[in-house]
Amino acid sequence: MKTAQDPRHQARREAVKVLFAETFTKQPSHPGVINEILKNKDVIDAEITKAAPAWPIDKLNRIDLAVLRLAVYELKFEKTPPKVIIDEAVELAKEFGSENSGSFINGVLGTIYKEDE
């Protein structure tokens, strides 16, 4: 059972914080996965843009963008089950984002997941 103290959840929380800060200014150092996300940012952002065409990247809420970048990276480049990734992303969006962030993140990631099937 997933808890707030789960090490994977804690690692994702920290990754979202760094990615959020990175949207404002270049950060001096990054944990391992952040470097991979930033290296693949163009590919990740293209997936987000394709799944949410009404929301240009530069108009997205920055915390939602950070959560999406982490989740899309995991969907595309890691072997974690997609439903776990989506569930975690929705939880992070509810924790850090606005009232509508959870449903927005769920919709975007659901679209990406369905396209990959």
Protein backbone atom coordinates (compact mmCIF):
# COMPACT_ATOMS: atom_id res chain seq x y z
CA MET A 1 0.00 0.00 0.00
CA LYS A 2 1.25 3.44 -0.96
CA THR A 3 1.92 5.91 1.83
CA ALA A 4 3.25 9.45 1.96
CA GLN A 5 6.47 8.03 3.43
CA ASP A 6 7.06 5.60 0.57
CA PRO A 7 10.62 6.24 -0.71
CA ARG A 8 9.48 6.27 -4.35
CA HIS A 9 6.81 8.86 -3.55
CA GLN A 10 9.36 10.95 -1.64
CA ALA A 11 11.78 10.78 -4.59
CA ARG A 12 9.03 11.92 -6.97
CA ARG A 13 8.12 14.79 -4.63
CA GLU A 14 11.74 15.98 -4.64
CA ALA A 15 11.97 15.62 -8.42
CA VAL A 16 8.85 17.76 -8.89
CA LYS A 17 10.30 20.44 -6.60
CA VAL A 18 13.54 20.60 -8.60
CA LEU A 19 11.70 20.59 -11.94
CA PHE A 20 9.42 23.37 -10.68
CA ALA A 21 12.42 25.46 -9.58
CA GLU A 22 14.08 24.78 -12.95
CA THR A 23 11.15 26.49 -14.72
CA PHE A 24 12.20 29.75 -13.03
CA THR A 25 15.99 29.54 -13.14
CA LYS A 26 18.72 27.05 -13.96
CA GLN A 27 19.48 24.96 -10.89
CA PRO A 28 23.11 24.36 -9.92
CA SER A 29 22.84 20.59 -9.50
CA HIS A 30 20.30 17.90 -10.22
CA PRO A 31 19.57 14.45 -8.86
CA GLY A 32 20.07 11.69 -11.47
CA VAL A 33 16.59 11.47 -12.98
CA ILE A 34 16.33 15.24 -13.37
CA ASN A 35 19.30 15.27 -15.74
CA GLU A 36 17.58 12.66 -17.90
CA ILE A 37 14.31 14.60 -17.90
CA LEU A 38 16.09 17.81 -18.91
CA LYS A 39 18.04 16.01 -21.66
CA ASN A 40 14.74 14.73 -23.07
CA LYS A 41 12.72 17.89 -22.38
CA ASP A 42 11.96 18.57 -26.05
CA VAL A 43 10.56 15.06 -26.58
CA ILE A 44 8.60 15.23 -23.32
CA ASP A 45 7.20 18.69 -24.07
CA ALA A 46 6.17 17.55 -27.55
CA GLU A 47 4.16 14.71 -25.99
CA ILE A 48 2.49 17.12 -23.57
CA THR A 49 1.70 19.58 -26.39
CA LYS A 50 0.21 16.81 -28.53
CA ALA A 51 -1.95 15.53 -25.64
CA ALA A 52 -3.10 19.01 -24.52
CA PRO A 53 -3.14 21.19 -27.66
CA ALA A 54 -5.35 23.83 -26.03
CA TRP A 55 -2.65 24.44 -23.40
CA PRO A 56 0.68 25.68 -24.79
CA ILE A 57 3.67 24.73 -22.62
CA ASP A 58 4.40 28.36 -21.75
CA LYS A 59 0.81 28.86 -20.52
CA LEU A 60 0.67 25.79 -18.26
CA ASN A 61 0.75 26.18 -14.51
CA ARG A 62 4.43 25.57 -13.69
CA ILE A 63 3.77 22.98 -11.01
CA ASP A 64 1.48 21.07 -13.39
CA LEU A 65 4.23 21.23 -16.00
CA ALA A 66 6.78 19.85 -13.53
CA VAL A 67 4.47 16.95 -12.61
CA LEU A 68 3.73 16.25 -16.28
CA ARG A 69 7.40 16.27 -17.26
CA LEU A 70 8.24 13.76 -14.54
CA ALA A 71 5.29 11.52 -15.38
CA VAL A 72 5.78 11.63 -19.16
CA TYR A 73 9.46 10.82 -18.68
CA GLU A 74 8.50 7.80 -16.58
CA LEU A 75 5.87 6.70 -19.12
CA LYS A 76 8.31 6.95 -22.03
CA PHE A 77 11.64 5.90 -20.55
CA GLU A 78 11.06 3.76 -17.46
CA LYS A 79 9.50 0.39 -16.81
CA THR A 80 7.10 1.43 -14.04
CA PRO A 81 3.50 0.34 -14.77
CA PRO A 82 1.64 3.24 -16.46
CA LYS A 83 -1.29 3.18 -14.03
CA VAL A 84 1.12 3.58 -11.09
CA ILE A 85 2.78 6.55 -12.81
CA ILE A 86 -0.55 8.22 -13.54
CA ASP A 87 -1.83 7.62 -10.00
CA GLU A 88 1.36 9.08 -8.50
CA ALA A 89 1.21 12.10 -10.81
CA VAL A 90 -2.41 12.80 -9.87
CA GLU A 91 -1.50 12.56 -6.18
CA LEU A 92 1.41 14.98 -6.66
CA ALA A 93 -0.84 17.37 -8.59
CA LYS A 94 -3.40 17.32 -5.79
CA GLU A 95 -0.66 17.89 -3.23
CA PHE A 96 1.16 20.74 -5.00
CA GLY A 97 -1.21 22.06 -7.65
CA SER A 98 -4.51 23.86 -7.87
CA GLU A 99 -8.00 22.48 -7.37
CA ASN A 100 -8.19 21.32 -11.00
CA SER A 101 -4.63 20.06 -11.35
CA GLY A 102 -5.41 16.43 -10.54
CA SER A 103 -8.06 16.05 -13.22
CA PHE A 104 -5.98 17.98 -15.78
CA ILE A 105 -2.91 15.79 -15.16
CA ASN A 106 -5.06 12.66 -15.29
CA GLY A 107 -6.56 13.69 -18.63
CA VAL A 108 -3.24 14.56 -20.27
CA LEU A 109 -1.50 11.41 -19.06
CA GLY A 110 -4.51 9.26 -19.96
CA THR A 111 -4.35 10.60 -23.51
CA ILE A 112 -0.62 9.89 -23.77
CA TYR A 113 -1.08 6.40 -22.32
CA LYS A 114 -3.87 5.54 -24.76
CA GLU A 115 -1.79 6.75 -27.73
CA ASP A 116 1.08 4.50 -26.66
CA GLU A 117 -1.02 1.33 -26.41
